[in-house]
PDB file of N, CA and C in Angstrom:
ATOM      1  N   MET A   1      -8.572   3.080 -10.597  1.00  0.00           N
ATOM      2  CA  MET A   1      -8.469   3.300  -9.303  1.00  0.00           C
ATOM      3  C   MET A   1      -9.831   2.916  -8.606  1.00  0.00           C
ATOM      4  N   ALA A   2      -9.950   1.627  -8.566  1.00  0.00           N
ATOM      5  CA  ALA A   2     -11.272   1.202  -7.832  1.00  0.00           C
ATOM      6  C   ALA A   2     -10.946   1.189  -6.260  1.00  0.00           C
ATOM      7  N   PHE A   3      -9.710   0.714  -6.106  1.00  0.00           N
ATOM      8  CA  PHE A   3      -9.272   0.780  -4.517  1.00  0.00           C
ATOM      9  C   PHE A   3      -9.445   2.090  -4.042  1.00  0.00           C
ATOM     10  N   VAL A   4      -9.226   3.091  -4.738  1.00  0.00           N
ATOM     11  CA  VAL A   4      -9.645   4.570  -3.943  1.00  0.00           C
ATOM     12  C   VAL A   4     -10.685   5.008  -3.709  1.00  0.00           C
ATOM     13  N   VAL A   5     -11.732   4.485  -4.554  1.00  0.00           N
ATOM     14  CA  VAL A   5     -13.027   4.472  -4.203  1.00  0.00           C
ATOM     15  C   VAL A   5     -13.622   3.521  -3.091  1.00  0.00           C
ATOM     16  N   ALA A   6     -13.170   2.852  -3.073  1.00  0.00           N
ATOM     17  CA  ALA A   6     -13.221   1.673  -2.234  1.00  0.00           C
ATOM     18  C   ALA A   6     -12.690   1.984  -0.618  1.00  0.00           C
ATOM     19  N   GLY A   7     -11.994   3.014  -0.536  1.00  0.00           N
ATOM     20  CA  GLY A   7     -11.325   3.297   0.474  1.00  0.00           C
ATOM     21  C   GLY A   7      -9.914   2.841   0.934  1.00  0.00           C
ATOM     22  N   TYR A   8      -9.475   1.966  -0.202  1.00  0.00           N
ATOM     23  CA  TYR A   8      -8.038   1.489   0.364  1.00  0.00           C
ATOM     24  C   TYR A   8      -6.957   2.520   0.163  1.00  0.00           C
ATOM     25  N   GLN A   9      -5.692   2.359   0.642  1.00  0.00           N
ATOM     26  CA  GLN A   9      -4.859   2.947   0.428  1.00  0.00           C
ATOM     27  C   GLN A   9      -3.464   2.311  -0.597  1.00  0.00           C
ATOM     28  N   HIS A  10      -2.848   2.935  -1.281  1.00  0.00           N
ATOM     29  CA  HIS A  10      -1.844   2.136  -1.781  1.00  0.00           C
ATOM     30  C   HIS A  10      -0.646   3.387  -2.221  1.00  0.00           C
ATOM     31  N   VAL A  11       0.356   2.816  -1.745  1.00  0.00           N
ATOM     32  CA  VAL A  11       1.692   3.845  -1.676  1.00  0.00           C
ATOM     33  C   VAL A  11       2.131   4.699  -3.208  1.00  0.00           C
ATOM     34  N   VAL A  12       1.847   3.943  -4.160  1.00  0.00           N
ATOM     35  CA  VAL A  12       2.169   4.530  -5.516  1.00  0.00           C
ATOM     36  C   VAL A  12       1.079   5.078  -6.100  1.00  0.00           C
ATOM     37  N   ALA A  13      -0.313   5.100  -5.856  1.00  0.00           N
ATOM     38  CA  ALA A  13      -1.483   6.029  -6.190  1.00  0.00           C
ATOM     39  C   ALA A  13      -1.400   7.169  -5.168  1.00  0.00           C
ATOM     40  N   ASN A  14      -1.060   6.954  -3.932  1.00  0.00           N
ATOM     41  CA  ASN A  14      -0.902   8.060  -3.232  1.00  0.00           C
ATOM     42  C   ASN A  14       0.472   9.193  -3.477  1.00  0.00           C
ATOM     43  N   MET A  15       1.095   8.525  -4.169  1.00  0.00           N
ATOM     44  CA  MET A  15       2.249   9.184  -4.610  1.00  0.00           C
ATOM     45  C   MET A  15       1.830  10.448  -5.481  1.00  0.00           C
ATOM     46  N   PHE A  16       0.835  10.265  -6.199  1.00  0.00           N
ATOM     47  CA  PHE A  16       0.268  11.180  -7.157  1.00  0.00           C
ATOM     48  C   PHE A  16      -0.937  11.778  -6.172  1.00  0.00           C
ATOM     49  N   LEU A  17      -1.943  11.325  -5.727  1.00  0.00           N
ATOM     50  CA  LEU A  17      -3.060  11.864  -5.281  1.00  0.00           C
ATOM     51  C   LEU A  17      -2.706  12.807  -4.229  1.00  0.00           C
ATOM     52  N   ILE A  18      -1.883  12.548  -3.178  1.00  0.00           N
ATOM     53  CA  ILE A  18      -2.066  13.513  -2.162  1.00  0.00           C
ATOM     54  C   ILE A  18      -0.975  14.611  -2.419  1.00  0.00           C
ATOM     55  N   PRO A  19      -0.013  14.615  -3.400  1.00  0.00           N
ATOM     56  CA  PRO A  19       0.800  16.168  -3.548  1.00  0.00           C
ATOM     57  C   PRO A  19      -0.435  16.740  -4.650  1.00  0.00           C
ATOM     58  N   ALA A  20      -1.052  16.010  -5.384  1.00  0.00           N
ATOM     59  CA  ALA A  20      -2.140  16.845  -5.858  1.00  0.00           C
ATOM     60  C   ALA A  20      -2.912  17.720  -5.037  1.00  0.00           C
ATOM     61  N   GLY A  21      -3.652  16.909  -4.155  1.00  0.00           N
ATOM     62  CA  GLY A  21      -4.168  17.483  -2.973  1.00  0.00           C
ATOM     63  C   GLY A  21      -3.544  18.926  -2.362  1.00  0.00           C
ATOM     64  N   ILE A  22      -1.974  18.336  -1.955  1.00  0.00           N
ATOM     65  CA  ILE A  22      -1.365  19.764  -1.416  1.00  0.00           C
ATOM     66  C   ILE A  22      -1.256  20.934  -2.620  1.00  0.00           C
ATOM     67  N   PHE A  23      -1.176  20.605  -3.852  1.00  0.00           N
ATOM     68  CA  PHE A  23      -0.863  21.701  -4.258  1.00  0.00           C
ATOM     69  C   PHE A  23      -2.321  22.533  -4.876  1.00  0.00           C
ATOM     70  N   ALA A  24      -3.394  21.824  -4.793  1.00  0.00           N
ATOM     71  CA  ALA A  24      -4.697  22.580  -4.263  1.00  0.00           C
ATOM     72  C   ALA A  24      -4.995  22.938  -3.147  1.00  0.00           C
ATOM     73  N   GLY A  25      -4.112  22.884  -2.132  1.00  0.00           N
ATOM     74  CA  GLY A  25      -4.536  23.487  -0.765  1.00  0.00           C
ATOM     75  C   GLY A  25      -5.037  22.616   0.089  1.00  0.00           C
ATOM     76  N   GLY A  26      -5.201  21.402   0.168  1.00  0.00           N
ATOM     77  CA  GLY A  26      -5.879  20.560   0.766  1.00  0.00           C
ATOM     78  C   GLY A  26      -5.286  19.788   2.013  1.00  0.00           C
ATOM     79  N   ALA A  27      -3.880  19.742   1.963  1.00  0.00           N
ATOM     80  CA  ALA A  27      -3.407  18.718   2.868  1.00  0.00           C
ATOM     81  C   ALA A  27      -1.822  19.701   2.800  1.00  0.00           C
ATOM     82  N   THR A  28      -0.952  18.832   3.723  1.00  0.00           N
ATOM     83  CA  THR A  28       0.399  19.626   4.212  1.00  0.00           C
ATOM     84  C   THR A  28       1.582  18.430   3.678  1.00  0.00           C
ATOM     85  N   TRP A  29       2.436  18.602   3.700  1.00  0.00           N
ATOM     86  CA  TRP A  29       3.835  17.888   3.408  1.00  0.00           C
ATOM     87  C   TRP A  29       3.991  16.714   4.494  1.00  0.00           C
ATOM     88  N   THR A  30       3.656  17.239   5.678  1.00  0.00           N
ATOM     89  CA  THR A  30       3.748  16.664   6.844  1.00  0.00           C
ATOM     90  C   THR A  30       2.670  15.254   6.806  1.00  0.00           C
ATOM     91  N   GLU A  31       1.576  15.600   6.520  1.00  0.00           N
ATOM     92  CA  GLU A  31       0.326  14.861   6.355  1.00  0.00           C
ATOM     93  C   GLU A  31       0.645  13.822   5.526  1.00  0.00           C
ATOM     94  N   PHE A  32       1.344  14.234   4.205  1.00  0.00           N
ATOM     95  CA  PHE A  32       1.636  13.149   2.883  1.00  0.00           C
ATOM     96  C   PHE A  32       2.690  12.276   3.738  1.00  0.00           C
ATOM     97  N   MET A  33       4.057  12.848   4.292  1.00  0.00           N
ATOM     98  CA  MET A  33       4.888  12.029   4.909  1.00  0.00           C
ATOM     99  C   MET A  33       4.515  10.975   6.099  1.00  0.00           C
ATOM    100  N   LEU A  34       3.458  11.405   6.729  1.00  0.00           N
ATOM    101  CA  LEU A  34       2.727  10.461   7.561  1.00  0.00           C
ATOM    102  C   LEU A  34       1.964   9.535   6.845  1.00  0.00           C
ATOM    103  N   ASN A  35       1.302   9.776   5.687  1.00  0.00           N
ATOM    104  CA  ASN A  35       0.410   8.940   5.508  1.00  0.00           C
ATOM    105  C   ASN A  35       1.184   7.795   4.453  1.00  0.00           C
ATOM    106  N   ILE A  36       2.524   8.523   3.874  1.00  0.00           N
ATOM    107  CA  ILE A  36       3.283   7.270   2.852  1.00  0.00           C
ATOM    108  C   ILE A  36       3.696   6.439   3.892  1.00  0.00           C
ATOM    109  N   SER A  37       4.272   6.839   4.886  1.00  0.00           N
ATOM    110  CA  SER A  37       5.182   5.719   5.836  1.00  0.00           C
ATOM    111  C   SER A  37       4.042   4.773   6.454  1.00  0.00           C
ATOM    112  N   ILE A  38       2.907   5.247   6.951  1.00  0.00           N
ATOM    113  CA  ILE A  38       2.062   4.355   7.150  1.00  0.00           C
ATOM    114  C   ILE A  38       1.370   3.449   6.296  1.00  0.00           C
ATOM    115  N   VAL A  39       1.062   4.057   5.110  1.00  0.00           N
ATOM    116  CA  VAL A  39       0.403   2.995   4.327  1.00  0.00           C
ATOM    117  C   VAL A  39       1.493   1.891   3.482  1.00  0.00           C
ATOM    118  N   TRP A  40       2.887   2.374   3.507  1.00  0.00           N
ATOM    119  CA  TRP A  40       4.160   1.917   3.055  1.00  0.00           C
ATOM    120  C   TRP A  40       4.238   0.554   3.809  1.00  0.00           C
ATOM    121  N   ILE A  41       4.116   0.785   5.127  1.00  0.00           N
ATOM    122  CA  ILE A  41       4.032  -0.626   6.373  1.00  0.00           C
ATOM    123  C   ILE A  41       2.788  -1.500   5.861  1.00  0.00           C
ATOM    124  N   GLY A  42       1.613  -0.958   5.687  1.00  0.00           N
ATOM    125  CA  GLY A  42       0.544  -1.840   5.378  1.00  0.00           C
ATOM    126  C   GLY A  42       0.634  -2.461   4.227  1.00  0.00           C
ATOM    127  N   ASN A  43       1.191  -1.849   3.110  1.00  0.00           N
ATOM    128  CA  ASN A  43       1.492  -2.512   2.056  1.00  0.00           C
ATOM    129  C   ASN A  43       2.456  -3.395   2.193  1.00  0.00           C
ATOM    130  N   LEU A  44       3.470  -3.390   2.561  1.00  0.00           N
ATOM    131  CA  LEU A  44       4.597  -4.543   3.018  1.00  0.00           C
ATOM    132  C   LEU A  44       4.133  -5.650   3.807  1.00  0.00           C
ATOM    133  N   VAL A  45       3.353  -5.403   4.895  1.00  0.00           N
ATOM    134  CA  VAL A  45       2.579  -6.192   5.663  1.00  0.00           C
ATOM    135  C   VAL A  45       1.493  -6.983   4.663  1.00  0.00           C
ATOM    136  N   GLY A  46       0.828  -6.512   3.831  1.00  0.00           N
ATOM    137  CA  GLY A  46      -0.282  -6.832   3.302  1.00  0.00           C
ATOM    138  C   GLY A  46       0.106  -7.638   1.968  1.00  0.00           C
ATOM    139  N   GLY A  47       0.973  -6.785   1.055  1.00  0.00           N
ATOM    140  CA  GLY A  47       1.555  -7.648   0.282  1.00  0.00           C
ATOM    141  C   GLY A  47       2.803  -8.566   0.240  1.00  0.00           C
ATOM    142  N   GLY A  48       3.475  -7.899   1.056  1.00  0.00           N
ATOM    143  CA  GLY A  48       4.677  -9.024   1.236  1.00  0.00           C
ATOM    144  C   GLY A  48       4.737 -10.209   1.924  1.00  0.00           C
ATOM    145  N   PHE A  49       4.025 -10.223   3.049  1.00  0.00           N
ATOM    146  CA  PHE A  49       3.999 -11.266   4.114  1.00  0.00           C
ATOM    147  C   PHE A  49       2.699 -12.035   3.654  1.00  0.00           C
ATOM    148  N   PHE A  50       1.517 -11.216   3.905  1.00  0.00           N
ATOM    149  CA  PHE A  50       0.343 -11.959   3.443  1.00  0.00           C
ATOM    150  C   PHE A  50       0.087 -12.785   2.326  1.00  0.00           C
ATOM    151  N   MET A  51       0.506 -12.032   1.452  1.00  0.00           N
ATOM    152  CA  MET A  51       0.492 -12.560  -0.122  1.00  0.00           C
ATOM    153  C   MET A  51       1.480 -13.674  -0.209  1.00  0.00           C
ATOM    154  N   GLY A  52       2.495 -13.228   0.066  1.00  0.00           N
ATOM    155  CA  GLY A  52       3.775 -14.138  -0.037  1.00  0.00           C
ATOM    156  C   GLY A  52       3.498 -15.566   0.663  1.00  0.00           C
ATOM    157  N   GLY A  53       3.021 -15.155   1.891  1.00  0.00           N
ATOM    158  CA  GLY A  53       2.377 -16.378   2.867  1.00  0.00           C
ATOM    159  C   GLY A  53       1.522 -17.603   1.907  1.00  0.00           C
ATOM    160  N   LEU A  54       0.431 -16.793   1.582  1.00  0.00           N
ATOM    161  CA  LEU A  54      -0.634 -17.405   0.783  1.00  0.00           C
ATOM    162  C   LEU A  54      -0.283 -18.262  -0.321  1.00  0.00           C
ATOM    163  N   TYR A  55       0.826 -17.649  -1.316  1.00  0.00           N
ATOM    164  CA  TYR A  55       1.554 -18.163  -2.422  1.00  0.00           C
ATOM    165  C   TYR A  55       2.574 -19.736  -1.594  1.00  0.00           C
ATOM    166  N   PHE A  56       3.384 -19.213  -0.720  1.00  0.00           N
ATOM    167  CA  PHE A  56       4.274 -20.127  -0.342  1.00  0.00           C
ATOM    168  C   PHE A  56       3.327 -21.436   0.266  1.00  0.00           C
ATOM    169  N   MET A  57       1.822 -21.046   0.881  1.00  0.00           N
ATOM    170  CA  MET A  57       0.988 -22.408   1.097  1.00  0.00           C
ATOM    171  C   MET A  57       0.528 -22.931  -0.056  1.00  0.00           C
ATOM    172  N   ALA A  58       0.492 -22.225  -0.917  1.00  0.00           N
ATOM    173  CA  ALA A  58      -0.324 -23.037  -2.321  1.00  0.00           C
ATOM    174  C   ALA A  58       0.652 -23.780  -2.966  1.00  0.00           C
ATOM    175  N   TYR A  59       1.793 -23.477  -2.732  1.00  0.00           N
ATOM    176  CA  TYR A  59       2.637 -24.160  -3.937  1.00  0.00           C
ATOM    177  C   TYR A  59       4.180 -24.542  -3.228  1.00  0.00           C
ATOM    178  N   ARG A  60       3.734 -25.325  -1.957  1.00  0.00           N
ATOM    179  CA  ARG A  60       4.729 -25.855  -1.141  1.00  0.00           C
ATOM    180  C   ARG A  60       4.920 -27.483  -1.533  1.00  0.00           C
ATOM    181  N   THR A  61       3.827 -27.868  -2.139  1.00  0.00           N
ATOM    182  CA  THR A  61       3.802 -29.281  -2.593  1.00  0.00           C
ATOM    183  C   THR A  61       4.945 -29.853  -3.188  1.00  0.00           C
ATOM    184  N   GLY A  62       5.631 -28.871  -3.896  1.00  0.00           N
ATOM    185  CA  GLY A  62       6.578 -29.548  -4.769  1.00  0.00           C
ATOM    186  C   GLY A  62       7.907 -29.238  -3.916  1.00  0.00           C
ATOM    187  N   MET A  63       7.965 -28.863  -2.608  1.00  0.00           N
ATOM    188  CA  MET A  63       9.369 -28.574  -2.026  1.00  0.00           C
ATOM    189  C   MET A  63       9.806 -29.709  -1.100  1.00  0.00           C
ATOM    190  N   GLN A  64      10.785 -30.099  -1.186  1.00  0.00           N
ATOM    191  CA  GLN A  64      11.606 -30.968  -0.323  1.00  0.00           C
ATOM    192  C   GLN A  64      11.201 -30.815   0.921  1.00  0.00           C
ATOM    193  N   LYS A  65      10.860 -32.016   1.738  1.00  0.00           N
ATOM    194  CA  LYS A  65      10.540 -32.211   3.340  1.00  0.00           C
ATOM    195  C   LYS A  65      11.815 -32.378   3.777  1.00  0.00           C
TER     196      LYS A  65
END
């Protein structure tokens, strides 16, 4: 959970951490859904496009031109 300590958001981790906070009385379900939707978009861009693009650029040498 080092990314949590560093302040990063992760959809799967938030699916546990935020409901735990809700049941403890610290957040609402509306805040949870807003957080999940925003973090999901960020994870999609960062993990899907950014990392996918880096892997594509790193391993494209064997592709046909």
